[in-house]
Amino acid sequence: KREVNLVGVWAAVEKAYQERLVEEHALTLALYREQRDARFELAAD
């Protein structure tokens, strides 16, 4: 595992998959963030 850098390769591939998913769902994530922030503001009020 050390010789082939399994953990490093695994982490790099996992990161790439996650970044691609974030890009593919950017609009949905932005809408979620807006709604969440609005709810936090209402709760603070």
All heavy atoms as atom14 arrays in JSON, in Angstrom:
{
  "sequence": "KREVNLVGVWAAVEKAYQERLVEEHALTLALYREQRDARFELAAD",
  "atom14_mask": [
    [1, 1, 1, 1, 1, 1, 1, 1, 1, 0, 0, 0, 0, 0],
    [1, 1, 1, 1, 1, 1, 1, 1, 1, 1, 1, 0, 0, 0],
    [1, 1, 1, 1, 1, 1, 1, 1, 1, 0, 0, 0, 0, 0],
    [1, 1, 1, 1, 1, 1, 1, 0, 0, 0, 0, 0, 0, 0],
    [1, 1, 1, 1, 1, 1, 1, 1, 0, 0, 0, 0, 0, 0],
    [1, 1, 1, 1, 1, 1, 1, 1, 0, 0, 0, 0, 0, 0],
    [1, 1, 1, 1, 1, 1, 1, 0, 0, 0, 0, 0, 0, 0],
    [1, 1, 1, 1, 0, 0, 0, 0, 0, 0, 0, 0, 0, 0],
    [1, 1, 1, 1, 1, 1, 1, 0, 0, 0, 0, 0, 0, 0],
    [1, 1, 1, 1, 1, 1, 1, 1, 1, 1, 1, 1, 1, 1],
    [1, 1, 1, 1, 1, 0, 0, 0, 0, 0, 0, 0, 0, 0],
    [1, 1, 1, 1, 1, 0, 0, 0, 0, 0, 0, 0, 0, 0],
    [1, 1, 1, 1, 1, 1, 1, 0, 0, 0, 0, 0, 0, 0],
    [1, 1, 1, 1, 1, 1, 1, 1, 1, 0, 0, 0, 0, 0],
    [1, 1, 1, 1, 1, 1, 1, 1, 1, 0, 0, 0, 0, 0],
    [1, 1, 1, 1, 1, 0, 0, 0, 0, 0, 0, 0, 0, 0],
    [1, 1, 1, 1, 1, 1, 1, 1, 1, 1, 1, 1, 0, 0],
    [1, 1, 1, 1, 1, 1, 1, 1, 1, 0, 0, 0, 0, 0],
    [1, 1, 1, 1, 1, 1, 1, 1, 1, 0, 0, 0, 0, 0],
    [1, 1, 1, 1, 1, 1, 1, 1, 1, 1, 1, 0, 0, 0],
    [1, 1, 1, 1, 1, 1, 1, 1, 0, 0, 0, 0, 0, 0],
    [1, 1, 1, 1, 1, 1, 1, 0, 0, 0, 0, 0, 0, 0],
    [1, 1, 1, 1, 1, 1, 1, 1, 1, 0, 0, 0, 0, 0],
    [1, 1, 1, 1, 1, 1, 1, 1, 1, 0, 0, 0, 0, 0],
    [1, 1, 1, 1, 1, 1, 1, 1, 1, 1, 0, 0, 0, 0],
    [1, 1, 1, 1, 1, 0, 0, 0, 0, 0, 0, 0, 0, 0],
    [1, 1, 1, 1, 1, 1, 1, 1, 0, 0, 0, 0, 0, 0],
    [1, 1, 1, 1, 1, 1, 1, 0, 0, 0, 0, 0, 0, 0],
    [1, 1, 1, 1, 1, 1, 1, 1, 0, 0, 0, 0, 0, 0],
    [1, 1, 1, 1, 1, 0, 0, 0, 0, 0, 0, 0, 0, 0],
    [1, 1, 1, 1, 1, 1, 1, 1, 0, 0, 0, 0, 0, 0],
    [1, 1, 1, 1, 1, 1, 1, 1, 1, 1, 1, 1, 0, 0],
    [1, 1, 1, 1, 1, 1, 1, 1, 1, 1, 1, 0, 0, 0],
    [1, 1, 1, 1, 1, 1, 1, 1, 1, 0, 0, 0, 0, 0],
    [1, 1, 1, 1, 1, 1, 1, 1, 1, 0, 0, 0, 0, 0],
    [1, 1, 1, 1, 1, 1, 1, 1, 1, 1, 1, 0, 0, 0],
    [1, 1, 1, 1, 1, 1, 1, 1, 0, 0, 0, 0, 0, 0],
    [1, 1, 1, 1, 1, 0, 0, 0, 0, 0, 0, 0, 0, 0],
    [1, 1, 1, 1, 1, 1, 1, 1, 1, 1, 1, 0, 0, 0],
    [1, 1, 1, 1, 1, 1, 1, 1, 1, 1, 1, 0, 0, 0],
    [1, 1, 1, 1, 1, 1, 1, 1, 1, 0, 0, 0, 0, 0],
    [1, 1, 1, 1, 1, 1, 1, 1, 0, 0, 0, 0, 0, 0],
    [1, 1, 1, 1, 1, 0, 0, 0, 0, 0, 0, 0, 0, 0],
    [1, 1, 1, 1, 1, 0, 0, 0, 0, 0, 0, 0, 0, 0],
    [1, 1, 1, 1, 1, 1, 1, 1, 0, 0, 0, 0, 0, 0]
  ],
  "atom14_positions": [
    [[0.83, -1.21, 0.0], [0.0, 0.0, 0.0], [0.87, 1.25, 0.0], [0.56, 2.24, -0.67], [-0.93, 0.0, 1.21], [-2.03, -1.02, 1.13], [-2.91, -0.96, 2.37], [-3.98, -2.02, 2.31], [-4.83, -2.01, 3.51], [0.0, 0.0, 0.0], [0.0, 0.0, 0.0], [0.0, 0.0, 0.0], [0.0, 0.0, 0.0], [0.0, 0.0, 0.0]],
    [[1.94, 1.23, 0.79], [2.85, 2.38, 0.84], [3.59, 2.55, -0.48], [3.76, 3.67, -0.96], [3.85, 2.23, 1.99], [3.3, 2.75, 3.29], [4.38, 2.77, 4.36], [3.96, 1.79, 5.36], [4.68, 0.78, 5.8], [5.9, 0.59, 5.37], [4.2, -0.05, 6.69], [0.0, 0.0, 0.0], [0.0, 0.0, 0.0], [0.0, 0.0, 0.0]],
    [[4.02, 1.45, -1.07], [4.79, 1.52, -2.3], [3.99, 2.11, -3.46], [4.52, 2.83, -4.3], [5.3, 0.13, -2.68], [6.42, -0.36, -1.79], [6.85, -1.77, -2.13], [6.35, -2.36, -3.1], [7.7, -2.31, -1.38], [0.0, 0.0, 0.0], [0.0, 0.0, 0.0], [0.0, 0.0, 0.0], [0.0, 0.0, 0.0], [0.0, 0.0, 0.0]],
    [[2.71, 1.83, -3.49], [1.87, 2.35, -4.58], [1.11, 3.61, -4.17], [0.3, 4.12, -4.93], [0.87, 1.28, -5.1], [1.62, 0.1, -5.67], [-0.11, 0.86, -4.03], [0.0, 0.0, 0.0], [0.0, 0.0, 0.0], [0.0, 0.0, 0.0], [0.0, 0.0, 0.0], [0.0, 0.0, 0.0], [0.0, 0.0, 0.0], [0.0, 0.0, 0.0]],
    [[1.38, 4.08, -2.95], [0.73, 5.29, -2.42], [-0.79, 5.16, -2.49], [-1.49, 6.07, -2.97], [1.22, 6.53, -3.18], [0.73, 7.81, -2.55], [0.42, 7.86, -1.36], [0.64, 8.86, -3.33], [0.0, 0.0, 0.0], [0.0, 0.0, 0.0], [0.0, 0.0, 0.0], [0.0, 0.0, 0.0], [0.0, 0.0, 0.0], [0.0, 0.0, 0.0]],
    [[-1.29, 4.04, -2.01], [-2.73, 3.76, -2.09], [-3.56, 4.87, -1.46], [-4.52, 5.35, -2.07], [-3.05, 2.42, -1.43], [-4.53, 2.06, -1.42], [-5.02, 1.79, -2.83], [-4.78, 0.87, -0.53], [0.0, 0.0, 0.0], [0.0, 0.0, 0.0], [0.0, 0.0, 0.0], [0.0, 0.0, 0.0], [0.0, 0.0, 0.0], [0.0, 0.0, 0.0]],
    [[-3.2, 5.29, -0.27], [-4.0, 6.31, 0.42], [-3.97, 7.64, -0.33], [-5.0, 8.3, -0.49], [-3.52, 6.47, 1.88], [-4.25, 7.63, 2.56], [-3.74, 5.18, 2.67], [0.0, 0.0, 0.0], [0.0, 0.0, 0.0], [0.0, 0.0, 0.0], [0.0, 0.0, 0.0], [0.0, 0.0, 0.0], [0.0, 0.0, 0.0], [0.0, 0.0, 0.0]],
    [[-2.82, 8.02, -0.84], [-2.71, 9.27, -1.59], [-3.52, 9.25, -2.88], [-4.22, 10.21, -3.21], [0.0, 0.0, 0.0], [0.0, 0.0, 0.0], [0.0, 0.0, 0.0], [0.0, 0.0, 0.0], [0.0, 0.0, 0.0], [0.0, 0.0, 0.0], [0.0, 0.0, 0.0], [0.0, 0.0, 0.0], [0.0, 0.0, 0.0], [0.0, 0.0, 0.0]],
    [[-3.43, 8.13, -3.59], [-4.19, 7.99, -4.84], [-5.68, 7.96, -4.54], [-6.49, 8.62, -5.21], [-3.75, 6.72, -5.61], [-4.67, 6.45, -6.78], [-2.31, 6.85, -6.06], [0.0, 0.0, 0.0], [0.0, 0.0, 0.0], [0.0, 0.0, 0.0], [0.0, 0.0, 0.0], [0.0, 0.0, 0.0], [0.0, 0.0, 0.0], [0.0, 0.0, 0.0]],
    [[-6.04, 7.21, -3.52], [-7.45, 7.1, -3.12], [-8.0, 8.48, -2.79], [-9.08, 8.86, -3.24], [-7.55, 6.18, -1.94], [-8.93, 5.79, -1.49], [-10.11, 6.37, -1.82], [-9.25, 4.72, -0.62], [-11.15, 5.73, -1.2], [-10.65, 4.71, -0.46], [-8.5, 3.77, 0.04], [-11.3, 3.79, 0.35], [-9.16, 2.85, 0.85], [-10.55, 2.86, 0.99]],
    [[-7.26, 9.25, -2.0], [-7.72, 10.58, -1.61], [-7.86, 11.5, -2.81], [-8.82, 12.27, -2.91], [-6.76, 11.18, -0.59], [0.0, 0.0, 0.0], [0.0, 0.0, 0.0], [0.0, 0.0, 0.0], [0.0, 0.0, 0.0], [0.0, 0.0, 0.0], [0.0, 0.0, 0.0], [0.0, 0.0, 0.0], [0.0, 0.0, 0.0], [0.0, 0.0, 0.0]],
    [[-6.91, 11.43, -3.74], [-6.97, 12.29, -4.93], [-8.17, 11.95, -5.8], [-8.86, 12.85, -6.31], [-5.68, 12.14, -5.73], [0.0, 0.0, 0.0], [0.0, 0.0, 0.0], [0.0, 0.0, 0.0], [0.0, 0.0, 0.0], [0.0, 0.0, 0.0], [0.0, 0.0, 0.0], [0.0, 0.0, 0.0], [0.0, 0.0, 0.0], [0.0, 0.0, 0.0]],
    [[-8.44, 10.66, -5.97], [-9.59, 10.25, -6.79], [-10.89, 10.65, -6.11], [-11.81, 11.17, -6.75], [-9.54, 8.72, -7.06], [-10.82, 8.24, -7.7], [-8.34, 8.38, -7.93], [0.0, 0.0, 0.0], [0.0, 0.0, 0.0], [0.0, 0.0, 0.0], [0.0, 0.0, 0.0], [0.0, 0.0, 0.0], [0.0, 0.0, 0.0], [0.0, 0.0, 0.0]],
    [[-10.97, 10.43, -4.81], [-12.18, 10.81, -4.06], [-12.42, 12.31, -4.17], [-13.55, 12.76, -4.37], [-12.02, 10.4, -2.59], [-13.23, 10.66, -1.74], [-14.37, 9.7, -2.02], [-14.12, 8.6, -2.55], [-15.52, 10.06, -1.7], [0.0, 0.0, 0.0], [0.0, 0.0, 0.0], [0.0, 0.0, 0.0], [0.0, 0.0, 0.0], [0.0, 0.0, 0.0]],
    [[-11.37, 13.1, -4.04], [-11.49, 14.55, -4.15], [-12.0, 14.94, -5.53], [-12.87, 15.81, -5.66], [-10.14, 15.21, -3.89], [-10.17, 16.71, -3.99], [-8.8, 17.3, -3.77], [-8.88, 18.81, -3.93], [-7.68, 19.41, -4.4], [0.0, 0.0, 0.0], [0.0, 0.0, 0.0], [0.0, 0.0, 0.0], [0.0, 0.0, 0.0], [0.0, 0.0, 0.0]],
    [[-11.47, 14.31, -6.57], [-11.89, 14.62, -7.94], [-13.37, 14.3, -8.13], [-14.11, 15.08, -8.74], [-11.04, 13.84, -8.95], [0.0, 0.0, 0.0], [0.0, 0.0, 0.0], [0.0, 0.0, 0.0], [0.0, 0.0, 0.0], [0.0, 0.0, 0.0], [0.0, 0.0, 0.0], [0.0, 0.0, 0.0], [0.0, 0.0, 0.0], [0.0, 0.0, 0.0]],
    [[-13.82, 13.15, -7.61], [-15.24, 12.81, -7.71], [-16.11, 13.84, -7.0], [-17.14, 14.27, -7.5], [-15.51, 11.43, -7.1], [-15.19, 10.27, -8.0], [-14.46, 9.19, -7.51], [-15.62, 10.22, -9.32], [-14.15, 8.1, -8.32], [-15.32, 9.14, -10.14], [-14.59, 8.08, -9.62], [-14.3, 7.02, -10.43], [0.0, 0.0, 0.0], [0.0, 0.0, 0.0]],
    [[-15.69, 14.24, -5.8], [-16.47, 15.21, -5.04], [-16.52, 16.56, -5.74], [-17.58, 17.21, -5.78], [-15.89, 15.35, -3.63], [-16.12, 14.12, -2.78], [-15.47, 14.24, -1.42], [-14.89, 15.27, -1.06], [-15.56, 13.17, -0.65], [0.0, 0.0, 0.0], [0.0, 0.0, 0.0], [0.0, 0.0, 0.0], [0.0, 0.0, 0.0], [0.0, 0.0, 0.0]],
    [[-15.4, 16.99, -6.29], [-15.38, 18.28, -7.0], [-16.29, 18.23, -8.22], [-16.99, 19.21, -8.51], [-13.95, 18.64, -7.4], [-13.09, 19.05, -6.23], [-11.64, 19.26, -6.59], [-11.22, 18.82, -7.68], [-10.92, 19.86, -5.76], [0.0, 0.0, 0.0], [0.0, 0.0, 0.0], [0.0, 0.0, 0.0], [0.0, 0.0, 0.0], [0.0, 0.0, 0.0]],
    [[-16.3, 17.11, -8.92], [-17.18, 16.98, -10.09], [-18.64, 17.03, -9.67], [-19.47, 17.68, -10.32], [-16.88, 15.69, -10.84], [-17.64, 15.63, -12.16], [-17.26, 14.44, -12.97], [-17.94, 13.28, -12.4], [-17.68, 12.01, -12.74], [-16.74, 11.75, -13.6], [-18.34, 11.03, -12.2], [0.0, 0.0, 0.0], [0.0, 0.0, 0.0], [0.0, 0.0, 0.0]],
    [[-18.97, 16.36, -8.57], [-20.36, 16.39, -8.1], [-20.78, 17.8, -7.68], [-21.91, 18.22, -7.95], [-20.53, 15.41, -6.93], [-20.57, 13.95, -7.31], [-20.49, 13.07, -6.06], [-21.82, 13.63, -8.11], [0.0, 0.0, 0.0], [0.0, 0.0, 0.0], [0.0, 0.0, 0.0], [0.0, 0.0, 0.0], [0.0, 0.0, 0.0], [0.0, 0.0, 0.0]],
    [[-19.89, 18.53, -7.04], [-20.2, 19.9, -6.64], [-20.45, 20.75, -7.88], [-21.4, 21.54, -7.92], [-19.06, 20.49, -5.77], [-19.22, 21.99, -5.61], [-19.02, 19.81, -4.41], [0.0, 0.0, 0.0], [0.0, 0.0, 0.0], [0.0, 0.0, 0.0], [0.0, 0.0, 0.0], [0.0, 0.0, 0.0], [0.0, 0.0, 0.0], [0.0, 0.0, 0.0]],
    [[-19.62, 20.59, -8.9], [-19.81, 21.35, -10.15], [-21.14, 20.98, -10.82], [-21.87, 21.86, -11.28], [-18.67, 21.08, -11.11], [-17.37, 21.72, -10.72], [-16.24, 21.37, -11.67], [-16.53, 20.93, -12.81], [-15.08, 21.55, -11.28], [0.0, 0.0, 0.0], [0.0, 0.0, 0.0], [0.0, 0.0, 0.0], [0.0, 0.0, 0.0], [0.0, 0.0, 0.0]],
    [[-21.45, 19.69, -10.86], [-22.68, 19.24, -11.52], [-23.93, 19.72, -10.79], [-24.97, 19.91, -11.41], [-22.7, 17.72, -11.62], [-21.71, 17.16, -12.61], [-21.66, 15.64, -12.61], [-22.43, 15.0, -11.85], [-20.85, 15.08, -13.35], [0.0, 0.0, 0.0], [0.0, 0.0, 0.0], [0.0, 0.0, 0.0], [0.0, 0.0, 0.0], [0.0, 0.0, 0.0]],
    [[-23.82, 19.92, -9.49], [-24.99, 20.3, -8.7], [-24.84, 21.7, -8.1], [-25.46, 22.01, -7.07], [-25.2, 19.26, -7.59], [-25.45, 17.89, -8.12], [-26.68, 17.5, -8.61], [-24.63, 16.83, -8.27], [-26.6, 16.25, -9.03], [-25.36, 15.81, -8.84], [0.0, 0.0, 0.0], [0.0, 0.0, 0.0], [0.0, 0.0, 0.0], [0.0, 0.0, 0.0]],
    [[-24.08, 22.55, -8.76], [-23.8, 23.88, -8.24], [-25.08, 24.69, -8.03], [-25.23, 25.36, -7.0], [-22.85, 24.62, -9.17], [0.0, 0.0, 0.0], [0.0, 0.0, 0.0], [0.0, 0.0, 0.0], [0.0, 0.0, 0.0], [0.0, 0.0, 0.0], [0.0, 0.0, 0.0], [0.0, 0.0, 0.0], [0.0, 0.0, 0.0], [0.0, 0.0, 0.0]],
    [[-26.0, 24.64, -8.96], [-27.24, 25.41, -8.83], [-28.06, 24.93, -7.63], [-28.52, 25.75, -6.83], [-28.07, 25.31, -10.11], [-29.4, 26.06, -10.09], [-29.18, 27.55, -9.84], [-30.15, 25.84, -11.38], [0.0, 0.0, 0.0], [0.0, 0.0, 0.0], [0.0, 0.0, 0.0], [0.0, 0.0, 0.0], [0.0, 0.0, 0.0], [0.0, 0.0, 0.0]],
    [[-28.22, 23.64, -7.51], [-28.98, 23.09, -6.38], [-28.32, 23.47, -5.06], [-29.0, 23.86, -4.1], [-29.07, 21.56, -6.49], [-29.72, 21.23, -7.72], [-29.83, 20.96, -5.34], [0.0, 0.0, 0.0], [0.0, 0.0, 0.0], [0.0, 0.0, 0.0], [0.0, 0.0, 0.0], [0.0, 0.0, 0.0], [0.0, 0.0, 0.0], [0.0, 0.0, 0.0]],
    [[-27.0, 23.37, -4.99], [-26.29, 23.72, -3.76], [-26.42, 25.21, -3.44], [-26.58, 25.59, -2.28], [-24.82, 23.33, -3.88], [-24.55, 21.83, -3.9], [-23.1, 21.55, -4.3], [-24.88, 21.18, -2.59], [0.0, 0.0, 0.0], [0.0, 0.0, 0.0], [0.0, 0.0, 0.0], [0.0, 0.0, 0.0], [0.0, 0.0, 0.0], [0.0, 0.0, 0.0]],
    [[-26.39, 26.05, -4.46], [-26.54, 27.5, -4.24], [-27.94, 27.82, -3.72], [-28.1, 28.63, -2.8], [-26.26, 28.26, -5.52], [0.0, 0.0, 0.0], [0.0, 0.0, 0.0], [0.0, 0.0, 0.0], [0.0, 0.0, 0.0], [0.0, 0.0, 0.0], [0.0, 0.0, 0.0], [0.0, 0.0, 0.0], [0.0, 0.0, 0.0], [0.0, 0.0, 0.0]],
    [[-28.96, 27.18, -4.29], [-30.33, 27.4, -3.82], [-30.5, 26.92, -2.39], [-31.14, 27.59, -1.57], [-31.32, 26.68, -4.74], [-31.44, 27.25, -6.15], [-32.31, 26.33, -7.02], [-32.01, 28.65, -6.11], [0.0, 0.0, 0.0], [0.0, 0.0, 0.0], [0.0, 0.0, 0.0], [0.0, 0.0, 0.0], [0.0, 0.0, 0.0], [0.0, 0.0, 0.0]],
    [[-29.92, 25.79, -2.08], [-29.97, 25.28, -0.71], [-29.33, 26.27, 0.25], [-29.89, 26.58, 1.3], [-29.27, 23.92, -0.6], [-29.0, 23.53, 0.83], [-30.02, 23.02, 1.62], [-27.75, 23.71, 1.4], [-29.79, 22.69, 2.94], [-27.5, 23.39, 2.71], [-28.53, 22.88, 3.49], [-28.3, 22.57, 4.81], [0.0, 0.0, 0.0], [0.0, 0.0, 0.0]],
    [[-28.16, 26.79, -0.13], [-27.44, 27.73, 0.73], [-28.29, 28.98, 0.97], [-28.37, 29.47, 2.09], [-26.1, 28.09, 0.09], [-25.21, 28.93, 0.96], [-23.86, 29.19, 0.3], [-23.14, 27.95, 0.08], [-22.79, 27.49, -1.14], [-23.05, 28.19, -2.22], [-22.14, 26.35, -1.27], [0.0, 0.0, 0.0], [0.0, 0.0, 0.0], [0.0, 0.0, 0.0]],
    [[-28.93, 29.49, -0.08], [-29.77, 30.68, 0.07], [-30.94, 30.41, 1.02], [-31.25, 31.23, 1.89], [-30.32, 31.11, -1.28], [-29.3, 31.74, -2.2], [-29.88, 32.09, -3.57], [-31.12, 32.21, -3.68], [-29.1, 32.25, -4.51], [0.0, 0.0, 0.0], [0.0, 0.0, 0.0], [0.0, 0.0, 0.0], [0.0, 0.0, 0.0], [0.0, 0.0, 0.0]],
    [[-31.6, 29.27, 0.85], [-32.73, 28.93, 1.71], [-32.28, 28.73, 3.16], [-32.94, 29.18, 4.09], [-33.43, 27.67, 1.2], [-34.14, 27.88, -0.11], [-34.73, 26.6, -0.66], [-34.58, 25.53, -0.09], [-35.4, 26.71, -1.8], [0.0, 0.0, 0.0], [0.0, 0.0, 0.0], [0.0, 0.0, 0.0], [0.0, 0.0, 0.0], [0.0, 0.0, 0.0]],
    [[-31.14, 28.07, 3.33], [-30.62, 27.85, 4.68], [-30.31, 29.17, 5.36], [-30.69, 29.4, 6.52], [-29.36, 26.99, 4.61], [-28.78, 26.66, 5.99], [-27.32, 26.27, 5.9], [-26.57, 27.39, 5.38], [-25.38, 27.29, 4.83], [-24.81, 26.12, 4.69], [-24.73, 28.36, 4.41], [0.0, 0.0, 0.0], [0.0, 0.0, 0.0], [0.0, 0.0, 0.0]],
    [[-29.64, 30.07, 4.64], [-29.3, 31.37, 5.21], [-30.55, 32.16, 5.57], [-30.61, 32.81, 6.63], [-28.42, 32.16, 4.25], [-27.03, 31.55, 4.09], [-26.66, 30.67, 4.9], [-26.32, 31.97, 3.15], [0.0, 0.0, 0.0], [0.0, 0.0, 0.0], [0.0, 0.0, 0.0], [0.0, 0.0, 0.0], [0.0, 0.0, 0.0], [0.0, 0.0, 0.0]],
    [[-31.57, 32.11, 4.72], [-32.81, 32.82, 5.0], [-33.48, 32.25, 6.25], [-34.0, 33.01, 7.08], [-33.76, 32.71, 3.81], [0.0, 0.0, 0.0], [0.0, 0.0, 0.0], [0.0, 0.0, 0.0], [0.0, 0.0, 0.0], [0.0, 0.0, 0.0], [0.0, 0.0, 0.0], [0.0, 0.0, 0.0], [0.0, 0.0, 0.0], [0.0, 0.0, 0.0]],
    [[-33.45, 30.94, 6.4], [-34.04, 30.32, 7.6], [-33.27, 30.7, 8.86], [-33.86, 30.92, 9.92], [-34.11, 28.81, 7.43], [-35.15, 28.41, 6.43], [-35.24, 26.92, 6.26], [-36.27, 26.61, 5.28], [-36.21, 25.62, 4.45], [-35.19, 24.81, 4.45], [-37.2, 25.41, 3.59], [0.0, 0.0, 0.0], [0.0, 0.0, 0.0], [0.0, 0.0, 0.0]],
    [[-31.94, 30.77, 8.76], [-31.14, 31.19, 9.91], [-31.48, 32.62, 10.3], [-31.57, 32.95, 11.49], [-29.64, 31.07, 9.62], [-29.12, 29.66, 9.66], [-27.94, 29.35, 9.0], [-29.76, 28.64, 10.35], [-27.42, 28.06, 9.04], [-29.26, 27.36, 10.39], [-28.08, 27.05, 9.74], [0.0, 0.0, 0.0], [0.0, 0.0, 0.0], [0.0, 0.0, 0.0]],
    [[-31.67, 33.48, 9.3], [-32.04, 34.87, 9.6], [-33.4, 34.94, 10.3], [-33.58, 35.67, 11.26], [-32.06, 35.7, 8.32], [-30.7, 36.01, 7.76], [-30.76, 36.84, 6.51], [-31.71, 37.62, 6.34], [-29.83, 36.69, 5.67], [0.0, 0.0, 0.0], [0.0, 0.0, 0.0], [0.0, 0.0, 0.0], [0.0, 0.0, 0.0], [0.0, 0.0, 0.0]],
    [[-34.37, 34.16, 9.79], [-35.69, 34.14, 10.42], [-35.6, 33.62, 11.86], [-36.23, 34.16, 12.77], [-36.65, 33.26, 9.62], [-37.12, 33.83, 8.29], [-37.91, 32.75, 7.52], [-37.97, 35.06, 8.51], [0.0, 0.0, 0.0], [0.0, 0.0, 0.0], [0.0, 0.0, 0.0], [0.0, 0.0, 0.0], [0.0, 0.0, 0.0], [0.0, 0.0, 0.0]],
    [[-34.82, 32.57, 12.05], [-34.66, 32.02, 13.41], [-34.01, 33.03, 14.34], [-34.41, 33.15, 15.5], [-33.85, 30.73, 13.34], [0.0, 0.0, 0.0], [0.0, 0.0, 0.0], [0.0, 0.0, 0.0], [0.0, 0.0, 0.0], [0.0, 0.0, 0.0], [0.0, 0.0, 0.0], [0.0, 0.0, 0.0], [0.0, 0.0, 0.0], [0.0, 0.0, 0.0]],
    [[-33.05, 33.79, 13.85], [-32.37, 34.79, 14.67], [-33.35, 35.89, 15.05], [-33.3, 36.42, 16.17], [-31.18, 35.37, 13.93], [0.0, 0.0, 0.0], [0.0, 0.0, 0.0], [0.0, 0.0, 0.0], [0.0, 0.0, 0.0], [0.0, 0.0, 0.0], [0.0, 0.0, 0.0], [0.0, 0.0, 0.0], [0.0, 0.0, 0.0], [0.0, 0.0, 0.0]],
    [[-34.27, 36.22, 14.15], [-35.26, 37.26, 14.45], [-36.24, 36.81, 15.51], [-36.82, 37.64, 16.22], [-36.03, 37.65, 13.18], [-35.16, 38.41, 12.19], [-34.09, 38.93, 12.59], [-35.55, 38.48, 11.01], [0.0, 0.0, 0.0], [0.0, 0.0, 0.0], [0.0, 0.0, 0.0], [0.0, 0.0, 0.0], [0.0, 0.0, 0.0], [0.0, 0.0, 0.0]]
  ]
}
